[in-house]
């Protein structure tokens, strides 16, 4: 878990914890080479699912689920 500190004049004035979005659009590339998103002019779309010690991303088009390490490596 991460914490973002807001600093003003060298003093911490606030803290917040960022959260994951429900979907990530048009940023990542599906690692499944058979996914239709590689052949058609569509924007990528992944549903974000948080697991105990991992984050899984599920492609909207091929419906395959990948660890975030696999998707971010592409």
PDB file of N, CA and C in Angstrom:
ATOM      1  N   UNK A   1       0.827  -1.183   0.000  1.00  0.00           N
ATOM      2  CA  UNK A   1       0.000   0.000   0.000  1.00  0.00           C
ATOM      3  C   UNK A   1       0.874   1.251   0.000  1.00  0.00           C
ATOM      4  N   UNK A   2       0.416   2.248  -0.693  1.00  0.00           N
ATOM      5  CA  UNK A   2       1.174   3.491  -0.813  1.00  0.00           C
ATOM      6  C   UNK A   2       0.425   4.625  -0.114  1.00  0.00           C
ATOM      7  N   UNK A   3       1.177   5.618   0.294  1.00  0.00           N
ATOM      8  CA  UNK A   3       0.612   6.831   0.872  1.00  0.00           C
ATOM      9  C   UNK A   3       1.228   8.024   0.161  1.00  0.00           C
ATOM     10  N   UNK A   4       0.387   8.961  -0.241  1.00  0.00           N
ATOM     11  CA  UNK A   4       0.851  10.182  -0.891  1.00  0.00           C
ATOM     12  C   UNK A   4       0.796  11.302   0.141  1.00  0.00           C
ATOM     13  N   UNK A   5       1.930  11.944   0.353  1.00  0.00           N
ATOM     14  CA  UNK A   5       2.001  13.061   1.298  1.00  0.00           C
ATOM     15  C   UNK A   5       1.953  14.381   0.541  1.00  0.00           C
ATOM     16  N   UNK A   6       1.098  15.295   0.974  1.00  0.00           N
ATOM     17  CA  UNK A   6       1.079  16.654   0.422  1.00  0.00           C
ATOM     18  C   UNK A   6       1.958  17.512   1.317  1.00  0.00           C
ATOM     19  N   UNK A   7       2.888  18.216   0.686  1.00  0.00           N
ATOM     20  CA  UNK A   7       3.861  19.007   1.440  1.00  0.00           C
ATOM     21  C   UNK A   7       3.736  20.468   1.036  1.00  0.00           C
ATOM     22  N   UNK A   8       3.715  21.349   2.034  1.00  0.00           N
ATOM     23  CA  UNK A   8       3.658  22.786   1.807  1.00  0.00           C
ATOM     24  C   UNK A   8       4.665  23.437   2.751  1.00  0.00           C
ATOM     25  N   UNK A   9       5.596  24.185   2.199  1.00  0.00           N
ATOM     26  CA  UNK A   9       6.651  24.830   2.996  1.00  0.00           C
ATOM     27  C   UNK A   9       7.356  23.836   3.923  1.00  0.00           C
ATOM     28  N   UNK A  10       7.735  22.709   3.350  1.00  0.00           N
ATOM     29  CA  UNK A  10       8.492  21.666   4.059  1.00  0.00           C
ATOM     30  C   UNK A  10       7.712  20.958   5.161  1.00  0.00           C
ATOM     31  N   UNK A  11       6.424  21.188   5.261  1.00  0.00           N
ATOM     32  CA  UNK A  11       5.594  20.513   6.259  1.00  0.00           C
ATOM     33  C   UNK A  11       4.582  19.612   5.558  1.00  0.00           C
ATOM     34  N   UNK A  12       4.341  18.444   6.113  1.00  0.00           N
ATOM     35  CA  UNK A  12       3.314  17.545   5.592  1.00  0.00           C
ATOM     36  C   UNK A  12       1.960  18.104   6.015  1.00  0.00           C
ATOM     37  N   UNK A  13       1.145  18.478   5.023  1.00  0.00           N
ATOM     38  CA  UNK A  13      -0.156  19.087   5.315  1.00  0.00           C
ATOM     39  C   UNK A  13      -1.318  18.126   5.056  1.00  0.00           C
ATOM     40  N   UNK A  14      -1.027  16.983   4.493  1.00  0.00           N
ATOM     41  CA  UNK A  14      -2.092  16.017   4.250  1.00  0.00           C
ATOM     42  C   UNK A  14      -1.542  14.700   3.759  1.00  0.00           C
ATOM     43  N   UNK A  15      -2.302  13.646   3.990  1.00  0.00           N
ATOM     44  CA  UNK A  15      -1.931  12.314   3.532  1.00  0.00           C
ATOM     45  C   UNK A  15      -3.149  11.673   2.892  1.00  0.00           C
ATOM     46  N   UNK A  16      -2.918  10.895   1.847  1.00  0.00           N
ATOM     47  CA  UNK A  16      -4.013  10.166   1.218  1.00  0.00           C
ATOM     48  C   UNK A  16      -3.486   8.852   0.657  1.00  0.00           C
ATOM     49  N   UNK A  17      -4.382   7.917   0.512  1.00  0.00           N
ATOM     50  CA  UNK A  17      -4.032   6.612  -0.057  1.00  0.00           C
ATOM     51  C   UNK A  17      -4.686   6.514  -1.437  1.00  0.00           C
ATOM     52  N   UNK A  18      -3.881   6.378  -2.485  1.00  0.00           N
ATOM     53  CA  UNK A  18      -4.458   6.243  -3.824  1.00  0.00           C
ATOM     54  C   UNK A  18      -5.161   4.890  -3.975  1.00  0.00           C
ATOM     55  N   UNK A  19      -6.173   4.857  -4.810  1.00  0.00           N
ATOM     56  CA  UNK A  19      -6.901   3.609  -5.045  1.00  0.00           C
ATOM     57  C   UNK A  19      -6.802   3.230  -6.521  1.00  0.00           C
ATOM     58  N   UNK A  20      -7.017   1.965  -6.790  1.00  0.00           N
ATOM     59  CA  UNK A  20      -6.980   1.482  -8.163  1.00  0.00           C
ATOM     60  C   UNK A  20      -8.299   1.802  -8.860  1.00  0.00           C
ATOM     61  N   UNK A  21      -8.250   2.125 -10.160  1.00  0.00           N
ATOM     62  CA  UNK A  21      -9.501   2.333 -10.896  1.00  0.00           C
ATOM     63  C   UNK A  21     -10.167   0.986 -11.185  1.00  0.00           C
ATOM     64  N   UNK A  22     -11.434   0.998 -11.558  1.00  0.00           N
ATOM     65  CA  UNK A  22     -12.139  -0.235 -11.928  1.00  0.00           C
ATOM     66  C   UNK A  22     -11.707  -0.729 -13.303  1.00  0.00           C
ATOM     67  N   UNK A  23     -11.376   0.217 -14.194  1.00  0.00           N
ATOM     68  CA  UNK A  23     -10.956  -0.121 -15.564  1.00  0.00           C
ATOM     69  C   UNK A  23      -9.767   0.739 -15.963  1.00  0.00           C
ATOM     70  N   UNK A  24      -8.942   0.187 -16.852  1.00  0.00           N
ATOM     71  CA  UNK A  24      -7.845   0.940 -17.464  1.00  0.00           C
ATOM     72  C   UNK A  24      -8.078   0.892 -18.965  1.00  0.00           C
ATOM     73  N   UNK A  25      -8.252   2.055 -19.574  1.00  0.00           N
ATOM     74  CA  UNK A  25      -8.593   2.161 -20.995  1.00  0.00           C
ATOM     75  C   UNK A  25      -7.444   2.763 -21.801  1.00  0.00           C
ATOM     76  N   UNK A  26      -7.174   2.207 -22.973  1.00  0.00           N
ATOM     77  CA  UNK A  26      -6.278   2.788 -23.993  1.00  0.00           C
ATOM     78  C   UNK A  26      -4.842   3.012 -23.540  1.00  0.00           C
ATOM     79  N   UNK A  27      -4.375   2.294 -22.527  1.00  0.00           N
ATOM     80  CA  UNK A  27      -3.016   2.514 -22.033  1.00  0.00           C
ATOM     81  C   UNK A  27      -2.157   1.277 -22.221  1.00  0.00           C
ATOM     82  N   UNK A  28      -2.701   0.120 -21.910  1.00  0.00           N
ATOM     83  CA  UNK A  28      -1.947  -1.129 -21.920  1.00  0.00           C
ATOM     84  C   UNK A  28      -2.230  -1.927 -23.186  1.00  0.00           C
ATOM     85  N   UNK A  29      -1.373  -2.905 -23.455  1.00  0.00           N
ATOM     86  CA  UNK A  29      -1.535  -3.780 -24.616  1.00  0.00           C
ATOM     87  C   UNK A  29      -1.780  -5.197 -24.108  1.00  0.00           C
ATOM     88  N   UNK A  30      -2.761  -5.873 -24.672  1.00  0.00           N
ATOM     89  CA  UNK A  30      -3.069  -7.235 -24.257  1.00  0.00           C
ATOM     90  C   UNK A  30      -1.928  -8.170 -24.667  1.00  0.00           C
ATOM     91  N   UNK A  31      -1.422  -8.981 -23.732  1.00  0.00           N
ATOM     92  CA  UNK A  31      -0.330  -9.896 -24.063  1.00  0.00           C
ATOM     93  C   UNK A  31      -0.775 -11.119 -24.870  1.00  0.00           C
ATOM     94  N   UNK A  32      -2.075 -11.334 -25.009  1.00  0.00           N
ATOM     95  CA  UNK A  32      -2.582 -12.460 -25.797  1.00  0.00           C
ATOM     96  C   UNK A  32      -2.463 -12.110 -27.279  1.00  0.00           C
ATOM     97  N   UNK A  33      -1.582 -12.807 -27.989  1.00  0.00           N
ATOM     98  CA  UNK A  33      -1.353 -12.490 -29.409  1.00  0.00           C
ATOM     99  C   UNK A  33      -2.576 -12.782 -30.273  1.00  0.00           C
ATOM    100  N   UNK A  34      -3.516 -13.592 -29.800  1.00  0.00           N
ATOM    101  CA  UNK A  34      -4.737 -13.896 -30.549  1.00  0.00           C
ATOM    102  C   UNK A  34      -5.883 -12.936 -30.237  1.00  0.00           C
ATOM    103  N   UNK A  35      -5.666 -11.980 -29.367  1.00  0.00           N
ATOM    104  CA  UNK A  35      -6.714 -11.032 -28.983  1.00  0.00           C
ATOM    105  C   UNK A  35      -7.096 -10.148 -30.173  1.00  0.00           C
ATOM    106  N   UNK A  36      -8.370  -9.902 -30.332  1.00  0.00           N
ATOM    107  CA  UNK A  36      -8.881  -9.093 -31.441  1.00  0.00           C
ATOM    108  C   UNK A  36      -8.370  -7.657 -31.390  1.00  0.00           C
ATOM    109  N   UNK A  37      -7.949  -7.208 -30.218  1.00  0.00           N
ATOM    110  CA  UNK A  37      -7.457  -5.831 -30.089  1.00  0.00           C
ATOM    111  C   UNK A  37      -6.166  -5.599 -30.874  1.00  0.00           C
ATOM    112  N   UNK A  38      -5.485  -6.670 -31.272  1.00  0.00           N
ATOM    113  CA  UNK A  38      -4.275  -6.525 -32.087  1.00  0.00           C
ATOM    114  C   UNK A  38      -4.608  -6.347 -33.569  1.00  0.00           C
ATOM    115  N   UNK A  39      -5.735  -6.915 -34.014  1.00  0.00           N
ATOM    116  CA  UNK A  39      -6.086  -6.889 -35.436  1.00  0.00           C
ATOM    117  C   UNK A  39      -7.088  -5.793 -35.795  1.00  0.00           C
ATOM    118  N   UNK A  40      -7.850  -5.337 -34.843  1.00  0.00           N
ATOM    119  CA  UNK A  40      -8.892  -4.341 -35.099  1.00  0.00           C
ATOM    120  C   UNK A  40      -8.520  -2.999 -34.468  1.00  0.00           C
ATOM    121  N   UNK A  41      -9.024  -1.899 -35.037  1.00  0.00           N
ATOM    122  CA  UNK A  41      -8.726  -0.570 -34.476  1.00  0.00           C
ATOM    123  C   UNK A  41      -9.614  -0.245 -33.265  1.00  0.00           C
ATOM    124  N   UNK A  42      -9.382  -0.959 -32.172  1.00  0.00           N
ATOM    125  CA  UNK A  42     -10.139  -0.727 -30.940  1.00  0.00           C
ATOM    126  C   UNK A  42      -9.168  -0.340 -29.829  1.00  0.00           C
ATOM    127  N   UNK A  43      -9.637   0.418 -28.881  1.00  0.00           N
ATOM    128  CA  UNK A  43      -8.815   0.803 -27.734  1.00  0.00           C
ATOM    129  C   UNK A  43      -8.806  -0.333 -26.723  1.00  0.00           C
ATOM    130  N   UNK A  44      -7.657  -0.567 -26.138  1.00  0.00           N
ATOM    131  CA  UNK A  44      -7.573  -1.628 -25.136  1.00  0.00           C
ATOM    132  C   UNK A  44      -8.400  -1.252 -23.910  1.00  0.00           C
ATOM    133  N   UNK A  45      -8.869  -2.278 -23.216  1.00  0.00           N
ATOM    134  CA  UNK A  45      -9.683  -2.058 -22.029  1.00  0.00           C
ATOM    135  C   UNK A  45      -9.498  -3.249 -21.096  1.00  0.00           C
ATOM    136  N   UNK A  46      -9.116  -2.953 -19.859  1.00  0.00           N
ATOM    137  CA  UNK A  46      -8.884  -4.005 -18.875  1.00  0.00           C
ATOM    138  C   UNK A  46      -9.668  -3.710 -17.606  1.00  0.00           C
ATOM    139  N   UNK A  47     -10.317  -4.739 -17.066  1.00  0.00           N
ATOM    140  CA  UNK A  47     -10.939  -4.648 -15.748  1.00  0.00           C
ATOM    141  C   UNK A  47      -9.849  -4.934 -14.725  1.00  0.00           C
ATOM    142  N   UNK A  48      -9.819  -4.160 -13.651  1.00  0.00           N
ATOM    143  CA  UNK A  48      -8.797  -4.307 -12.615  1.00  0.00           C
ATOM    144  C   UNK A  48      -9.397  -5.093 -11.453  1.00  0.00           C
ATOM    145  N   UNK A  49      -8.694  -6.163 -11.066  1.00  0.00           N
ATOM    146  CA  UNK A  49      -9.139  -6.990  -9.942  1.00  0.00           C
ATOM    147  C   UNK A  49      -7.988  -7.133  -8.967  1.00  0.00           C
ATOM    148  N   UNK A  50      -8.218  -6.728  -7.743  1.00  0.00           N
ATOM    149  CA  UNK A  50      -7.170  -6.838  -6.726  1.00  0.00           C
ATOM    150  C   UNK A  50      -7.293  -8.182  -6.022  1.00  0.00           C
ATOM    151  N   UNK A  51      -6.177  -8.876  -5.962  1.00  0.00           N
ATOM    152  CA  UNK A  51      -6.101 -10.150  -5.250  1.00  0.00           C
ATOM    153  C   UNK A  51      -5.273  -9.944  -3.993  1.00  0.00           C
ATOM    154  N   UNK A  52      -5.089 -10.964  -3.207  1.00  0.00           N
ATOM    155  CA  UNK A  52      -4.365 -10.861  -1.932  1.00  0.00           C
ATOM    156  C   UNK A  52      -3.023 -10.160  -2.084  1.00  0.00           C
ATOM    157  N   UNK A  53      -2.162 -10.657  -2.932  1.00  0.00           N
ATOM    158  CA  UNK A  53      -0.833 -10.060  -3.102  1.00  0.00           C
ATOM    159  C   UNK A  53      -0.549  -9.688  -4.546  1.00  0.00           C
ATOM    160  N   UNK A  54      -1.568  -9.585  -5.360  1.00  0.00           N
ATOM    161  CA  UNK A  54      -1.354  -9.335  -6.783  1.00  0.00           C
ATOM    162  C   UNK A  54      -2.522  -8.517  -7.331  1.00  0.00           C
ATOM    163  N   UNK A  55      -2.302  -7.948  -8.492  1.00  0.00           N
ATOM    164  CA  UNK A  55      -3.352  -7.237  -9.211  1.00  0.00           C
ATOM    165  C   UNK A  55      -3.534  -7.954 -10.537  1.00  0.00           C
ATOM    166  N   UNK A  56      -4.749  -8.375 -10.833  1.00  0.00           N
ATOM    167  CA  UNK A  56      -5.042  -9.056 -12.086  1.00  0.00           C
ATOM    168  C   UNK A  56      -5.769  -8.090 -13.014  1.00  0.00           C
ATOM    169  N   UNK A  57      -5.481  -8.209 -14.298  1.00  0.00           N
ATOM    170  CA  UNK A  57      -6.120  -7.386 -15.320  1.00  0.00           C
ATOM    171  C   UNK A  57      -6.813  -8.314 -16.312  1.00  0.00           C
ATOM    172  N   UNK A  58      -8.098  -8.080 -16.558  1.00  0.00           N
ATOM    173  CA  UNK A  58      -8.871  -8.924 -17.463  1.00  0.00           C
ATOM    174  C   UNK A  58      -9.209  -8.130 -18.717  1.00  0.00           C
ATOM    175  N   UNK A  59      -8.782  -8.650 -19.861  1.00  0.00           N
ATOM    176  CA  UNK A  59      -9.019  -7.979 -21.146  1.00  0.00           C
ATOM    177  C   UNK A  59     -10.510  -8.017 -21.489  1.00  0.00           C
ATOM    178  N   UNK A  60     -11.027  -6.902 -21.947  1.00  0.00           N
ATOM    179  CA  UNK A  60     -12.443  -6.785 -22.322  1.00  0.00           C
ATOM    180  C   UNK A  60     -12.765  -7.638 -23.546  1.00  0.00           C
ATOM    181  N   UNK A  61     -11.809  -7.817 -24.452  1.00  0.00           N
ATOM    182  CA  UNK A  61     -12.078  -8.466 -25.727  1.00  0.00           C
ATOM    183  C   UNK A  61     -11.854  -9.975 -25.702  1.00  0.00           C
ATOM    184  N   UNK A  62     -10.712 -10.438 -25.224  1.00  0.00           N
ATOM    185  CA  UNK A  62     -10.456 -11.884 -25.206  1.00  0.00           C
ATOM    186  C   UNK A  62     -10.853 -12.514 -23.874  1.00  0.00           C
ATOM    187  N   UNK A  63     -11.170 -11.681 -22.884  1.00  0.00           N
ATOM    188  CA  UNK A  63     -11.617 -12.107 -21.563  1.00  0.00           C
ATOM    189  C   UNK A  63     -10.597 -12.962 -20.815  1.00  0.00           C
ATOM    190  N   UNK A  64      -9.337 -12.880 -21.207  1.00  0.00           N
ATOM    191  CA  UNK A  64      -8.280 -13.580 -20.473  1.00  0.00           C
ATOM    192  C   UNK A  64      -7.787 -12.685 -19.350  1.00  0.00           C
ATOM    193  N   UNK A  65      -7.400 -13.318 -18.256  1.00  0.00           N
ATOM    194  CA  UNK A  65      -6.933 -12.594 -17.083  1.00  0.00           C
ATOM    195  C   UNK A  65      -5.422 -12.775 -16.951  1.00  0.00           C
ATOM    196  N   UNK A  66      -4.729 -11.673 -16.673  1.00  0.00           N
ATOM    197  CA  UNK A  66      -3.278 -11.683 -16.582  1.00  0.00           C
ATOM    198  C   UNK A  66      -2.837 -10.979 -15.309  1.00  0.00           C
ATOM    199  N   UNK A  67      -1.691 -11.407 -14.796  1.00  0.00           N
ATOM    200  CA  UNK A  67      -1.067 -10.675 -13.699  1.00  0.00           C
ATOM    201  C   UNK A  67      -0.621  -9.324 -14.237  1.00  0.00           C
ATOM    202  N   UNK A  68      -0.624  -8.297 -13.414  1.00  0.00           N
ATOM    203  CA  UNK A  68      -0.200  -6.973 -13.891  1.00  0.00           C
ATOM    204  C   UNK A  68       1.253  -6.989 -14.342  1.00  0.00           C
ATOM    205  N   UNK A  69       2.063  -7.902 -13.832  1.00  0.00           N
ATOM    206  CA  UNK A  69       3.461  -7.997 -14.268  1.00  0.00           C
ATOM    207  C   UNK A  69       3.549  -8.383 -15.743  1.00  0.00           C
ATOM    208  N   UNK A  70       2.665  -9.270 -16.189  1.00  0.00           N
ATOM    209  CA  UNK A  70       2.674  -9.729 -17.583  1.00  0.00           C
ATOM    210  C   UNK A  70       2.224  -8.615 -18.515  1.00  0.00           C
ATOM    211  N   UNK A  71       1.172  -7.903 -18.154  1.00  0.00           N
ATOM    212  CA  UNK A  71       0.634  -6.845 -19.015  1.00  0.00           C
ATOM    213  C   UNK A  71       1.593  -5.665 -19.087  1.00  0.00           C
ATOM    214  N   UNK A  72       2.175  -5.272 -17.967  1.00  0.00           N
ATOM    215  CA  UNK A  72       3.071  -4.119 -17.951  1.00  0.00           C
ATOM    216  C   UNK A  72       4.390  -4.403 -18.644  1.00  0.00           C
ATOM    217  N   UNK A  73       4.760  -5.676 -18.803  1.00  0.00           N
ATOM    218  CA  UNK A  73       6.018  -6.024 -19.464  1.00  0.00           C
ATOM    219  C   UNK A  73       5.936  -5.836 -20.976  1.00  0.00           C
ATOM    220  N   UNK A  74       4.727  -5.777 -21.527  1.00  0.00           N
ATOM    221  CA  UNK A  74       4.572  -5.618 -22.987  1.00  0.00           C
ATOM    222  C   UNK A  74       4.709  -4.197 -23.422  1.00  0.00           C
TER     223      UNK A  74
END
